[in-house]
């Protein structure tokens, strides 16, 4: 395993790399010289790509006319919504919705957005 460019970040899995005889790990040794085939294709990084993505949830409640009439409105509703609610995957941190063809844009999962509001019609 090659450490990459100087100053580049490595995944925390690199901390469990092979370092001395007798080590039991599934991570190869770190090798800074160019005599290894550190960029060769390997199935070492392949994991199950199954995922469950809850993208959007919205709850809305229509306020009864008996309550709405007290504020001289015709109707009212309250709502709360969320986008990018949850993503369940063995690939932590990365957006599993993108194509992983060997070259990725390393896109992280979108930010969670929560909105709430009241709709009044007078």
PDB file of N, CA and C in Angstrom:
ATOM      1  N   UNK A   1       0.858  -1.164   0.000  1.00  0.00           N
ATOM      2  CA  UNK A   1       0.000   0.000   0.000  1.00  0.00           C
ATOM      3  C   UNK A   1       0.902   1.223   0.000  1.00  0.00           C
ATOM      4  N   UNK A   2       0.644   2.149  -0.880  1.00  0.00           N
ATOM      5  CA  UNK A   2       1.456   3.357  -1.020  1.00  0.00           C
ATOM      6  C   UNK A   2       0.832   4.482  -0.207  1.00  0.00           C
ATOM      7  N   UNK A   3       1.638   5.282   0.480  1.00  0.00           N
ATOM      8  CA  UNK A   3       1.084   6.351   1.307  1.00  0.00           C
ATOM      9  C   UNK A   3       0.494   7.506   0.515  1.00  0.00           C
ATOM     10  N   UNK A   4       0.688   7.548  -0.773  1.00  0.00           N
ATOM     11  CA  UNK A   4       0.132   8.627  -1.588  1.00  0.00           C
ATOM     12  C   UNK A   4       1.051   9.832  -1.624  1.00  0.00           C
ATOM     13  N   UNK A   5       0.514  10.919  -2.096  1.00  0.00           N
ATOM     14  CA  UNK A   5       1.283  12.157  -2.187  1.00  0.00           C
ATOM     15  C   UNK A   5       1.542  12.697  -0.785  1.00  0.00           C
ATOM     16  N   UNK A   6       2.633  13.394  -0.629  1.00  0.00           N
ATOM     17  CA  UNK A   6       2.951  13.994   0.667  1.00  0.00           C
ATOM     18  C   UNK A   6       1.861  14.991   1.042  1.00  0.00           C
ATOM     19  N   UNK A   7       1.370  14.893   2.256  1.00  0.00           N
ATOM     20  CA  UNK A   7       0.324  15.777   2.738  1.00  0.00           C
ATOM     21  C   UNK A   7      -1.081  15.286   2.442  1.00  0.00           C
ATOM     22  N   UNK A   8      -1.202  14.174   1.679  1.00  0.00           N
ATOM     23  CA  UNK A   8      -2.527  13.650   1.352  1.00  0.00           C
ATOM     24  C   UNK A   8      -3.070  12.866   2.545  1.00  0.00           C
ATOM     25  N   UNK A   9      -4.378  12.839   2.658  1.00  0.00           N
ATOM     26  CA  UNK A   9      -5.023  12.117   3.757  1.00  0.00           C
ATOM     27  C   UNK A   9      -5.224  10.657   3.370  1.00  0.00           C
ATOM     28  N   UNK A  10      -5.131   9.785   4.349  1.00  0.00           N
ATOM     29  CA  UNK A  10      -5.394   8.366   4.152  1.00  0.00           C
ATOM     30  C   UNK A  10      -6.601   7.960   4.986  1.00  0.00           C
ATOM     31  N   UNK A  11      -7.263   6.912   4.586  1.00  0.00           N
ATOM     32  CA  UNK A  11      -8.372   6.378   5.360  1.00  0.00           C
ATOM     33  C   UNK A  11      -7.839   5.803   6.668  1.00  0.00           C
ATOM     34  N   UNK A  12      -8.661   5.815   7.712  1.00  0.00           N
ATOM     35  CA  UNK A  12      -8.215   5.313   9.013  1.00  0.00           C
ATOM     36  C   UNK A  12      -7.852   3.837   8.963  1.00  0.00           C
ATOM     37  N   UNK A  13      -8.280   3.107   7.949  1.00  0.00           N
ATOM     38  CA  UNK A  13      -7.886   1.703   7.806  1.00  0.00           C
ATOM     39  C   UNK A  13      -6.368   1.554   7.701  1.00  0.00           C
ATOM     40  N   UNK A  14      -5.683   2.607   7.258  1.00  0.00           N
ATOM     41  CA  UNK A  14      -4.223   2.549   7.131  1.00  0.00           C
ATOM     42  C   UNK A  14      -3.555   2.344   8.483  1.00  0.00           C
ATOM     43  N   UNK A  15      -4.241   2.676   9.563  1.00  0.00           N
ATOM     44  CA  UNK A  15      -3.672   2.488  10.900  1.00  0.00           C
ATOM     45  C   UNK A  15      -3.546   1.011  11.277  1.00  0.00           C
ATOM     46  N   UNK A  16      -4.294   0.147  10.595  1.00  0.00           N
ATOM     47  CA  UNK A  16      -4.239  -1.290  10.889  1.00  0.00           C
ATOM     48  C   UNK A  16      -3.363  -2.040   9.883  1.00  0.00           C
ATOM     49  N   UNK A  17      -2.506  -1.325   9.161  1.00  0.00           N
ATOM     50  CA  UNK A  17      -1.672  -1.940   8.125  1.00  0.00           C
ATOM     51  C   UNK A  17      -0.631  -2.889   8.737  1.00  0.00           C
ATOM     52  N   UNK A  18      -0.111  -3.761   7.894  1.00  0.00           N
ATOM     53  CA  UNK A  18       0.948  -4.675   8.295  1.00  0.00           C
ATOM     54  C   UNK A  18       2.201  -3.860   8.542  1.00  0.00           C
ATOM     55  N   UNK A  19       2.849  -4.058   9.701  1.00  0.00           N
ATOM     56  CA  UNK A  19       4.071  -3.303  10.010  1.00  0.00           C
ATOM     57  C   UNK A  19       5.259  -4.189  10.356  1.00  0.00           C
ATOM     58  N   UNK A  20       5.023  -5.349  10.956  1.00  0.00           N
ATOM     59  CA  UNK A  20       6.153  -6.212  11.344  1.00  0.00           C
ATOM     60  C   UNK A  20       5.742  -7.675  11.235  1.00  0.00           C
ATOM     61  N   UNK A  21       6.696  -8.571  11.102  1.00  0.00           N
ATOM     62  CA  UNK A  21       6.372  -9.994  11.012  1.00  0.00           C
ATOM     63  C   UNK A  21       5.513 -10.434  12.205  1.00  0.00           C
ATOM     64  N   UNK A  22       4.494 -11.210  11.913  1.00  0.00           N
ATOM     65  CA  UNK A  22       3.589 -11.691  12.951  1.00  0.00           C
ATOM     66  C   UNK A  22       2.309 -10.893  13.047  1.00  0.00           C
ATOM     67  N   UNK A  23       2.249  -9.705  12.413  1.00  0.00           N
ATOM     68  CA  UNK A  23       1.019  -8.916  12.426  1.00  0.00           C
ATOM     69  C   UNK A  23      -0.085  -9.666  11.690  1.00  0.00           C
ATOM     70  N   UNK A  24      -1.278  -9.643  12.246  1.00  0.00           N
ATOM     71  CA  UNK A  24      -2.440 -10.245  11.594  1.00  0.00           C
ATOM     72  C   UNK A  24      -3.378  -9.116  11.203  1.00  0.00           C
ATOM     73  N   UNK A  25      -3.475  -8.871   9.904  1.00  0.00           N
ATOM     74  CA  UNK A  25      -4.301  -7.786   9.384  1.00  0.00           C
ATOM     75  C   UNK A  25      -4.639  -8.064   7.930  1.00  0.00           C
ATOM     76  N   UNK A  26      -5.692  -7.437   7.447  1.00  0.00           N
ATOM     77  CA  UNK A  26      -6.018  -7.571   6.030  1.00  0.00           C
ATOM     78  C   UNK A  26      -5.534  -6.357   5.240  1.00  0.00           C
ATOM     79  N   UNK A  27      -4.751  -5.482   5.882  1.00  0.00           N
ATOM     80  CA  UNK A  27      -4.194  -4.313   5.219  1.00  0.00           C
ATOM     81  C   UNK A  27      -2.722  -4.579   4.910  1.00  0.00           C
ATOM     82  N   UNK A  28      -2.279  -4.345   3.681  1.00  0.00           N
ATOM     83  CA  UNK A  28      -0.881  -4.606   3.335  1.00  0.00           C
ATOM     84  C   UNK A  28       0.053  -3.578   3.977  1.00  0.00           C
ATOM     85  N   UNK A  29       1.353  -3.838   3.859  1.00  0.00           N
ATOM     86  CA  UNK A  29       2.329  -2.922   4.444  1.00  0.00           C
ATOM     87  C   UNK A  29       2.377  -1.631   3.641  1.00  0.00           C
ATOM     88  N   UNK A  30       2.796  -0.570   4.301  1.00  0.00           N
ATOM     89  CA  UNK A  30       2.980   0.717   3.645  1.00  0.00           C
ATOM     90  C   UNK A  30       4.332   0.681   2.963  1.00  0.00           C
ATOM     91  N   UNK A  31       4.387   1.056   1.697  1.00  0.00           N
ATOM     92  CA  UNK A  31       5.623   0.988   0.922  1.00  0.00           C
ATOM     93  C   UNK A  31       5.793   2.284   0.164  1.00  0.00           C
ATOM     94  N   UNK A  32       6.800   3.044   0.517  1.00  0.00           N
ATOM     95  CA  UNK A  32       7.006   4.355  -0.091  1.00  0.00           C
ATOM     96  C   UNK A  32       7.788   4.277  -1.395  1.00  0.00           C
ATOM     97  N   UNK A  33       8.515   3.200  -1.611  1.00  0.00           N
ATOM     98  CA  UNK A  33       9.297   3.075  -2.845  1.00  0.00           C
ATOM     99  C   UNK A  33       8.385   2.694  -4.000  1.00  0.00           C
ATOM    100  N   UNK A  34       8.873   2.895  -5.202  1.00  0.00           N
ATOM    101  CA  UNK A  34       8.059   2.646  -6.394  1.00  0.00           C
ATOM    102  C   UNK A  34       8.201   1.224  -6.910  1.00  0.00           C
ATOM    103  N   UNK A  35       8.831   0.307  -6.152  1.00  0.00           N
ATOM    104  CA  UNK A  35       9.027  -1.042  -6.674  1.00  0.00           C
ATOM    105  C   UNK A  35       7.804  -1.932  -6.456  1.00  0.00           C
ATOM    106  N   UNK A  36       6.793  -1.448  -5.787  1.00  0.00           N
ATOM    107  CA  UNK A  36       5.569  -2.224  -5.577  1.00  0.00           C
ATOM    108  C   UNK A  36       4.532  -1.883  -6.632  1.00  0.00           C
ATOM    109  N   UNK A  37       3.492  -2.656  -6.689  1.00  0.00           N
ATOM    110  CA  UNK A  37       2.408  -2.383  -7.627  1.00  0.00           C
ATOM    111  C   UNK A  37       1.216  -1.852  -6.818  1.00  0.00           C
ATOM    112  N   UNK A  38       1.449  -0.778  -6.126  1.00  0.00           N
ATOM    113  CA  UNK A  38       0.477  -0.264  -5.188  1.00  0.00           C
ATOM    114  C   UNK A  38      -0.778   0.288  -5.843  1.00  0.00           C
ATOM    115  N   UNK A  39      -0.747   0.627  -7.115  1.00  0.00           N
ATOM    116  CA  UNK A  39      -1.951   1.111  -7.787  1.00  0.00           C
ATOM    117  C   UNK A  39      -2.600   0.035  -8.654  1.00  0.00           C
ATOM    118  N   UNK A  40      -2.201  -1.205  -8.472  1.00  0.00           N
ATOM    119  CA  UNK A  40      -2.756  -2.291  -9.265  1.00  0.00           C
ATOM    120  C   UNK A  40      -4.210  -2.535  -8.857  1.00  0.00           C
ATOM    121  N   UNK A  41      -4.970  -3.118  -9.772  1.00  0.00           N
ATOM    122  CA  UNK A  41      -6.354  -3.447  -9.463  1.00  0.00           C
ATOM    123  C   UNK A  41      -6.401  -4.555  -8.424  1.00  0.00           C
ATOM    124  N   UNK A  42      -7.364  -4.440  -7.535  1.00  0.00           N
ATOM    125  CA  UNK A  42      -7.476  -5.409  -6.458  1.00  0.00           C
ATOM    126  C   UNK A  42      -8.922  -5.453  -5.993  1.00  0.00           C
ATOM    127  N   UNK A  43      -9.321  -6.583  -5.417  1.00  0.00           N
ATOM    128  CA  UNK A  43     -10.661  -6.668  -4.839  1.00  0.00           C
ATOM    129  C   UNK A  43     -10.644  -6.331  -3.349  1.00  0.00           C
ATOM    130  N   UNK A  44      -9.504  -5.863  -2.844  1.00  0.00           N
ATOM    131  CA  UNK A  44      -9.367  -5.566  -1.420  1.00  0.00           C
ATOM    132  C   UNK A  44     -10.325  -4.480  -0.966  1.00  0.00           C
ATOM    133  N   UNK A  45     -10.649  -3.527  -1.827  1.00  0.00           N
ATOM    134  CA  UNK A  45     -11.509  -2.410  -1.444  1.00  0.00           C
ATOM    135  C   UNK A  45     -12.978  -2.654  -1.762  1.00  0.00           C
ATOM    136  N   UNK A  46     -13.294  -3.782  -2.374  1.00  0.00           N
ATOM    137  CA  UNK A  46     -14.685  -4.052  -2.745  1.00  0.00           C
ATOM    138  C   UNK A  46     -15.505  -4.446  -1.519  1.00  0.00           C
ATOM    139  N   UNK A  47     -16.660  -3.840  -1.380  1.00  0.00           N
ATOM    140  CA  UNK A  47     -17.593  -4.181  -0.308  1.00  0.00           C
ATOM    141  C   UNK A  47     -18.999  -4.240  -0.894  1.00  0.00           C
ATOM    142  N   UNK A  48     -19.911  -4.752  -0.125  1.00  0.00           N
ATOM    143  CA  UNK A  48     -21.305  -4.842  -0.552  1.00  0.00           C
ATOM    144  C   UNK A  48     -21.826  -3.440  -0.858  1.00  0.00           C
ATOM    145  N   UNK A  49     -22.391  -3.244  -2.041  1.00  0.00           N
ATOM    146  CA  UNK A  49     -22.869  -1.927  -2.457  1.00  0.00           C
ATOM    147  C   UNK A  49     -24.360  -1.733  -2.210  1.00  0.00           C
ATOM    148  N   UNK A  50     -24.998  -2.645  -1.499  1.00  0.00           N
ATOM    149  CA  UNK A  50     -26.416  -2.484  -1.197  1.00  0.00           C
ATOM    150  C   UNK A  50     -26.610  -1.288  -0.267  1.00  0.00           C
ATOM    151  N   UNK A  51     -27.704  -0.569  -0.463  1.00  0.00           N
ATOM    152  CA  UNK A  51     -27.981   0.556   0.416  1.00  0.00           C
ATOM    153  C   UNK A  51     -29.472   0.845   0.447  1.00  0.00           C
ATOM    154  N   UNK A  52     -29.891   1.505   1.511  1.00  0.00           N
ATOM    155  CA  UNK A  52     -31.262   1.989   1.661  1.00  0.00           C
ATOM    156  C   UNK A  52     -31.161   3.483   1.887  1.00  0.00           C
ATOM    157  N   UNK A  53     -31.832   4.261   1.035  1.00  0.00           N
ATOM    158  CA  UNK A  53     -31.750   5.715   1.102  1.00  0.00           C
ATOM    159  C   UNK A  53     -33.146   6.279   1.326  1.00  0.00           C
ATOM    160  N   UNK A  54     -33.353   6.961   2.452  1.00  0.00           N
ATOM    161  CA  UNK A  54     -34.616   7.654   2.701  1.00  0.00           C
ATOM    162  C   UNK A  54     -34.372   9.104   2.317  1.00  0.00           C
ATOM    163  N   UNK A  55     -34.876   9.499   1.148  1.00  0.00           N
ATOM    164  CA  UNK A  55     -34.546  10.803   0.578  1.00  0.00           C
ATOM    165  C   UNK A  55     -35.423  11.937   1.089  1.00  0.00           C
ATOM    166  N   UNK A  56     -36.720  11.686   1.255  1.00  0.00           N
ATOM    167  CA  UNK A  56     -37.600  12.792   1.601  1.00  0.00           C
ATOM    168  C   UNK A  56     -38.799  12.300   2.404  1.00  0.00           C
ATOM    169  N   UNK A  57     -39.122  13.040   3.459  1.00  0.00           N
ATOM    170  CA  UNK A  57     -40.301  12.746   4.270  1.00  0.00           C
ATOM    171  C   UNK A  57     -40.995  14.079   4.556  1.00  0.00           C
ATOM    172  N   UNK A  58     -42.315  14.114   4.411  1.00  0.00           N
ATOM    173  CA  UNK A  58     -43.082  15.314   4.732  1.00  0.00           C
ATOM    174  C   UNK A  58     -44.325  14.919   5.508  1.00  0.00           C
ATOM    175  N   UNK A  59     -44.571  15.623   6.603  1.00  0.00           N
ATOM    176  CA  UNK A  59     -45.784  15.443   7.389  1.00  0.00           C
ATOM    177  C   UNK A  59     -46.547  16.765   7.365  1.00  0.00           C
ATOM    178  N   UNK A  60     -47.855  16.671   7.136  1.00  0.00           N
ATOM    179  CA  UNK A  60     -48.688  17.860   7.080  1.00  0.00           C
ATOM    180  C   UNK A  60     -49.967  17.616   7.883  1.00  0.00           C
ATOM    181  N   UNK A  61     -50.448  18.668   8.529  1.00  0.00           N
ATOM    182  CA  UNK A  61     -51.669  18.557   9.323  1.00  0.00           C
ATOM    183  C   UNK A  61     -52.582  19.718   8.970  1.00  0.00           C
ATOM    184  N   UNK A  62     -53.792  19.410   8.572  1.00  0.00           N
ATOM    185  CA  UNK A  62     -54.802  20.425   8.248  1.00  0.00           C
ATOM    186  C   UNK A  62     -55.501  20.819   9.542  1.00  0.00           C
ATOM    187  N   UNK A  63     -55.352  22.081   9.919  1.00  0.00           N
ATOM    188  CA  UNK A  63     -55.952  22.569  11.161  1.00  0.00           C
ATOM    189  C   UNK A  63     -57.471  22.608  10.999  1.00  0.00           C
ATOM    190  N   UNK A  64     -58.224  22.098  11.980  1.00  0.00           N
ATOM    191  CA  UNK A  64     -59.695  22.100  11.878  1.00  0.00           C
ATOM    192  C   UNK A  64     -60.262  23.514  11.709  1.00  0.00           C
ATOM    193  N   UNK A  65     -61.359  23.613  10.944  1.00  0.00           N
ATOM    194  CA  UNK A  65     -62.009  24.903  10.664  1.00  0.00           C
ATOM    195  C   UNK A  65     -62.438  25.612  11.944  1.00  0.00           C
ATOM    196  N   UNK A  66     -62.821  24.855  12.956  1.00  0.00           N
ATOM    197  CA  UNK A  66     -63.265  25.472  14.213  1.00  0.00           C
ATOM    198  C   UNK A  66     -62.134  26.273  14.867  1.00  0.00           C
ATOM    199  N   UNK A  67     -60.895  25.828  14.714  1.00  0.00           N
ATOM    200  CA  UNK A  67     -59.747  26.553  15.278  1.00  0.00           C
ATOM    201  C   UNK A  67     -59.326  27.684  14.347  1.00  0.00           C
ATOM    202  N   UNK A  68     -59.344  27.429  13.028  1.00  0.00           N
ATOM    203  CA  UNK A  68     -58.919  28.419  12.036  1.00  0.00           C
ATOM    204  C   UNK A  68     -59.840  29.636  12.065  1.00  0.00           C
ATOM    205  N   UNK A  69     -61.133  29.415  12.297  1.00  0.00           N
ATOM    206  CA  UNK A  69     -62.102  30.514  12.325  1.00  0.00           C
ATOM    207  C   UNK A  69     -61.827  31.514  13.427  1.00  0.00           C
ATOM    208  N   UNK A  70     -61.167  31.108  14.492  1.00  0.00           N
ATOM    209  CA  UNK A  70     -60.864  32.002  15.615  1.00  0.00           C
ATOM    210  C   UNK A  70     -59.855  33.084  15.244  1.00  0.00           C
ATOM    211  N   UNK A  71     -59.088  32.856  14.187  1.00  0.00           N
ATOM    212  CA  UNK A  71     -58.121  33.872  13.740  1.00  0.00           C
ATOM    213  C   UNK A  71     -58.562  34.494  12.408  1.00  0.00           C
ATOM    214  N   UNK A  72     -59.850  34.309  12.074  1.00  0.00           N
ATOM    215  CA  UNK A  72     -60.438  34.870  10.850  1.00  0.00           C
ATOM    216  C   UNK A  72     -59.728  34.398   9.578  1.00  0.00           C
ATOM    217  N   UNK A  73     -59.306  33.140   9.548  1.00  0.00           N
ATOM    218  CA  UNK A  73     -58.680  32.560   8.355  1.00  0.00           C
ATOM    219  C   UNK A  73     -59.639  31.550   7.736  1.00  0.00           C
ATOM    220  N   UNK A  74     -59.465  31.301   6.437  1.00  0.00           N
ATOM    221  CA  UNK A  74     -60.293  30.312   5.748  1.00  0.00           C
ATOM    222  C   UNK A  74     -59.795  28.893   6.006  1.00  0.00           C
ATOM    223  N   UNK A  75     -58.486  28.705   5.951  1.00  0.00           N
ATOM    224  CA  UNK A  75     -57.904  27.406   6.285  1.00  0.00           C
ATOM    225  C   UNK A  75     -56.443  27.584   6.689  1.00  0.00           C
ATOM    226  N   UNK A  76     -55.927  26.555   7.338  1.00  0.00           N
ATOM    227  CA  UNK A  76     -54.544  26.589   7.806  1.00  0.00           C
ATOM    228  C   UNK A  76     -54.008  25.165   7.865  1.00  0.00           C
ATOM    229  N   UNK A  77     -52.708  25.059   7.652  1.00  0.00           N
ATOM    230  CA  UNK A  77     -52.040  23.765   7.804  1.00  0.00           C
ATOM    231  C   UNK A  77     -50.633  24.011   8.327  1.00  0.00           C
ATOM    232  N   UNK A  78     -50.116  23.027   9.025  1.00  0.00           N
ATOM    233  CA  UNK A  78     -48.741  23.071   9.508  1.00  0.00           C
ATOM    234  C   UNK A  78     -48.009  21.878   8.897  1.00  0.00           C
ATOM    235  N   UNK A  79     -46.723  22.053   8.664  1.00  0.00           N
ATOM    236  CA  UNK A  79     -45.977  20.953   8.049  1.00  0.00           C
ATOM    237  C   UNK A  79     -44.548  20.932   8.556  1.00  0.00           C
ATOM    238  N   UNK A  80     -43.946  19.771   8.449  1.00  0.00           N
ATOM    239  CA  UNK A  80     -42.514  19.589   8.700  1.00  0.00           C
ATOM    240  C   UNK A  80     -42.007  18.603   7.651  1.00  0.00           C
ATOM    241  N   UNK A  81     -40.851  18.881   7.125  1.00  0.00           N
ATOM    242  CA  UNK A  81     -40.287  18.020   6.091  1.00  0.00           C
ATOM    243  C   UNK A  81     -38.788  17.841   6.286  1.00  0.00           C
ATOM    244  N   UNK A  82     -38.284  16.787   5.722  1.00  0.00           N
ATOM    245  CA  UNK A  82     -36.842  16.529   5.796  1.00  0.00           C
ATOM    246  C   UNK A  82     -36.387  15.914   4.478  1.00  0.00           C
ATOM    247  N   UNK A  83     -35.212  16.326   4.037  1.00  0.00           N
ATOM    248  CA  UNK A  83     -34.584  15.755   2.854  1.00  0.00           C
ATOM    249  C   UNK A  83     -33.269  15.106   3.270  1.00  0.00           C
ATOM    250  N   UNK A  84     -32.883  14.056   2.557  1.00  0.00           N
ATOM    251  CA  UNK A  84     -31.667  13.298   2.862  1.00  0.00           C
ATOM    252  C   UNK A  84     -31.704  12.815   4.306  1.00  0.00           C
ATOM    253  N   UNK A  85     -32.791  12.142   4.637  1.00  0.00           N
ATOM    254  CA  UNK A  85     -33.082  11.737   6.013  1.00  0.00           C
ATOM    255  C   UNK A  85     -32.080  10.710   6.520  1.00  0.00           C
ATOM    256  N   UNK A  86     -31.863   9.649   5.767  1.00  0.00           N
ATOM    257  CA  UNK A  86     -30.959   8.601   6.238  1.00  0.00           C
ATOM    258  C   UNK A  86     -30.421   7.808   5.053  1.00  0.00           C
ATOM    259  N   UNK A  87     -29.208   7.334   5.201  1.00  0.00           N
ATOM    260  CA  UNK A  87     -28.575   6.481   4.201  1.00  0.00           C
ATOM    261  C   UNK A  87     -27.911   5.338   4.952  1.00  0.00           C
ATOM    262  N   UNK A  88     -28.367   4.133   4.687  1.00  0.00           N
ATOM    263  CA  UNK A  88     -27.823   2.954   5.350  1.00  0.00           C
ATOM    264  C   UNK A  88     -26.969   2.196   4.333  1.00  0.00           C
ATOM    265  N   UNK A  89     -25.675   2.090   4.609  1.00  0.00           N
ATOM    266  CA  UNK A  89     -24.750   1.460   3.680  1.00  0.00           C
ATOM    267  C   UNK A  89     -23.493   1.036   4.427  1.00  0.00           C
ATOM    268  N   UNK A  90     -22.786   0.064   3.876  1.00  0.00           N
ATOM    269  CA  UNK A  90     -21.492  -0.318   4.442  1.00  0.00           C
ATOM    270  C   UNK A  90     -20.395   0.643   4.013  1.00  0.00           C
ATOM    271  N   UNK A  91     -20.681   1.489   3.037  1.00  0.00           N
ATOM    272  CA  UNK A  91     -19.714   2.492   2.590  1.00  0.00           C
ATOM    273  C   UNK A  91     -19.924   3.744   3.416  1.00  0.00           C
ATOM    274  N   UNK A  92     -19.141   3.910   4.438  1.00  0.00           N
ATOM    275  CA  UNK A  92     -19.302   5.046   5.343  1.00  0.00           C
ATOM    276  C   UNK A  92     -18.754   6.320   4.729  1.00  0.00           C
ATOM    277  N   UNK A  93     -19.588   7.362   4.751  1.00  0.00           N
ATOM    278  CA  UNK A  93     -19.139   8.684   4.344  1.00  0.00           C
ATOM    279  C   UNK A  93     -19.306   9.003   2.875  1.00  0.00           C
ATOM    280  N   UNK A  94     -19.148   8.059   1.999  1.00  0.00           N
ATOM    281  CA  UNK A  94     -19.215   8.353   0.574  1.00  0.00           C
ATOM    282  C   UNK A  94     -20.629   8.170   0.047  1.00  0.00           C
ATOM    283  N   UNK A  95     -20.952   8.902  -0.991  1.00  0.00           N
ATOM    284  CA  UNK A  95     -22.273   8.842  -1.604  1.00  0.00           C
ATOM    285  C   UNK A  95     -22.373   7.599  -2.480  1.00  0.00           C
ATOM    286  N   UNK A  96     -23.140   6.620  -2.047  1.00  0.00           N
ATOM    287  CA  UNK A  96     -23.249   5.364  -2.788  1.00  0.00           C
ATOM    288  C   UNK A  96     -24.107   5.506  -4.036  1.00  0.00           C
ATOM    289  N   UNK A  97     -24.757   6.642  -4.226  1.00  0.00           N
ATOM    290  CA  UNK A  97     -25.572   6.861  -5.417  1.00  0.00           C
ATOM    291  C   UNK A  97     -24.734   7.173  -6.645  1.00  0.00           C
ATOM    292  N   UNK A  98     -23.467   7.487  -6.476  1.00  0.00           N
ATOM    293  CA  UNK A  98     -22.622   7.772  -7.628  1.00  0.00           C
ATOM    294  C   UNK A  98     -22.030   6.482  -8.174  1.00  0.00           C
ATOM    295  N   UNK A  99     -21.561   6.526  -9.388  1.00  0.00           N
ATOM    296  CA  UNK A  99     -20.938   5.350 -10.002  1.00  0.00           C
ATOM    297  C   UNK A  99     -19.526   5.184  -9.463  1.00  0.00           C
ATOM    298  N   UNK A 100     -19.168   3.968  -9.090  1.00  0.00           N
ATOM    299  CA  UNK A 100     -17.811   3.671  -8.643  1.00  0.00           C
ATOM    300  C   UNK A 100     -17.152   2.824  -9.729  1.00  0.00           C
ATOM    301  N   UNK A 101     -16.525   3.487 -10.678  1.00  0.00           N
ATOM    302  CA  UNK A 101     -15.942   2.800 -11.826  1.00  0.00           C
ATOM    303  C   UNK A 101     -14.423   2.746 -11.745  1.00  0.00           C
ATOM    304  N   UNK A 102     -13.878   3.038 -10.606  1.00  0.00           N
ATOM    305  CA  UNK A 102     -12.431   3.079 -10.472  1.00  0.00           C
ATOM    306  C   UNK A 102     -11.940   4.506 -10.359  1.00  0.00           C
ATOM    307  N   UNK A 103     -12.646   5.429 -10.978  1.00  0.00           N
ATOM    308  CA  UNK A 103     -12.334   6.848 -10.855  1.00  0.00           C
ATOM    309  C   UNK A 103     -13.615   7.520 -10.380  1.00  0.00           C
ATOM    310  N   UNK A 104     -13.568   8.119  -9.207  1.00  0.00           N
ATOM    311  CA  UNK A 104     -14.774   8.741  -8.666  1.00  0.00           C
ATOM    312  C   UNK A 104     -14.526  10.215  -8.429  1.00  0.00           C
ATOM    313  N   UNK A 105     -15.602  10.926  -8.203  1.00  0.00           N
ATOM    314  CA  UNK A 105     -15.476  12.340  -7.859  1.00  0.00           C
ATOM    315  C   UNK A 105     -15.455  12.510  -6.343  1.00  0.00           C
ATOM    316  N   UNK A 106     -15.445  11.399  -5.597  1.00  0.00           N
ATOM    317  CA  UNK A 106     -15.398  11.425  -4.135  1.00  0.00           C
ATOM    318  C   UNK A 106     -16.434  12.373  -3.544  1.00  0.00           C
ATOM    319  N   UNK A 107     -17.671  12.191  -3.959  1.00  0.00           N
ATOM    320  CA  UNK A 107     -18.774  13.034  -3.508  1.00  0.00           C
ATOM    321  C   UNK A 107     -19.298  12.501  -2.182  1.00  0.00           C
ATOM    322  N   UNK A 108     -19.400  13.371  -1.203  1.00  0.00           N
ATOM    323  CA  UNK A 108     -19.955  12.972   0.077  1.00  0.00           C
ATOM    324  C   UNK A 108     -21.474  13.031   0.027  1.00  0.00           C
ATOM    325  N   UNK A 109     -22.124  12.375   0.976  1.00  0.00           N
ATOM    326  CA  UNK A 109     -23.577  12.356   1.001  1.00  0.00           C
ATOM    327  C   UNK A 109     -24.107  13.775   1.184  1.00  0.00           C
ATOM    328  N   UNK A 110     -25.235  14.081   0.557  1.00  0.00           N
ATOM    329  CA  UNK A 110     -25.794  15.439   0.675  1.00  0.00           C
ATOM    330  C   UNK A 110     -26.179  15.775   2.116  1.00  0.00           C
ATOM    331  N   UNK A 111     -26.158  17.043   2.427  1.00  0.00           N
ATOM    332  CA  UNK A 111     -26.514  17.498   3.770  1.00  0.00           C
ATOM    333  C   UNK A 111     -27.999  17.266   4.047  1.00  0.00           C
ATOM    334  N   UNK A 112     -28.319  17.008   5.293  1.00  0.00           N
ATOM    335  CA  UNK A 112     -29.709  16.837   5.711  1.00  0.00           C
ATOM    336  C   UNK A 112     -30.350  18.223   5.838  1.00  0.00           C
ATOM    337  N   UNK A 113     -31.557  18.361   5.300  1.00  0.00           N
ATOM    338  CA  UNK A 113     -32.282  19.622   5.347  1.00  0.00           C
ATOM    339  C   UNK A 113     -33.614  19.382   6.032  1.00  0.00           C
ATOM    340  N   UNK A 114     -33.917  20.194   7.045  1.00  0.00           N
ATOM    341  CA  UNK A 114     -35.193  20.083   7.759  1.00  0.00           C
ATOM    342  C   UNK A 114     -35.912  21.416   7.624  1.00  0.00           C
ATOM    343  N   UNK A 115     -37.177  21.343   7.192  1.00  0.00           N
ATOM    344  CA  UNK A 115     -37.983  22.549   7.041  1.00  0.00           C
ATOM    345  C   UNK A 115     -39.292  22.390   7.800  1.00  0.00           C
ATOM    346  N   UNK A 116     -39.831  23.509   8.240  1.00  0.00           N
ATOM    347  CA  UNK A 116     -41.129  23.504   8.927  1.00  0.00           C
ATOM    348  C   UNK A 116     -41.840  24.791   8.553  1.00  0.00           C
ATOM    349  N   UNK A 117     -43.169  24.739   8.604  1.00  0.00           N
ATOM    350  CA  UNK A 117     -43.895  25.959   8.254  1.00  0.00           C
ATOM    351  C   UNK A 117     -45.368  25.886   8.581  1.00  0.00           C
ATOM    352  N   UNK A 118     -45.987  27.034   8.418  1.00  0.00           N
ATOM    353  CA  UNK A 118     -47.425  27.178   8.605  1.00  0.00           C
ATOM    354  C   UNK A 118     -47.965  27.845   7.360  1.00  0.00           C
ATOM    355  N   UNK A 119     -49.051  27.321   6.840  1.00  0.00           N
ATOM    356  CA  UNK A 119     -49.710  27.906   5.674  1.00  0.00           C
ATOM    357  C   UNK A 119     -51.083  28.415   6.111  1.00  0.00           C
ATOM    358  N   UNK A 120     -51.301  29.718   5.923  1.00  0.00           N
ATOM    359  CA  UNK A 120     -52.581  30.341   6.282  1.00  0.00           C
ATOM    360  C   UNK A 120     -53.212  30.965   5.045  1.00  0.00           C
ATOM    361  N   UNK A 121     -54.497  30.775   4.877  1.00  0.00           N
ATOM    362  CA  UNK A 121     -55.265  31.422   3.809  1.00  0.00           C
ATOM    363  C   UNK A 121     -56.360  32.277   4.439  1.00  0.00           C
ATOM    364  N   UNK A 122     -56.308  33.584   4.146  1.00  0.00           N
ATOM    365  CA  UNK A 122     -57.300  34.503   4.721  1.00  0.00           C
ATOM    366  C   UNK A 122     -58.358  34.850   3.704  1.00  0.00           C
TER     367      UNK A 122
END
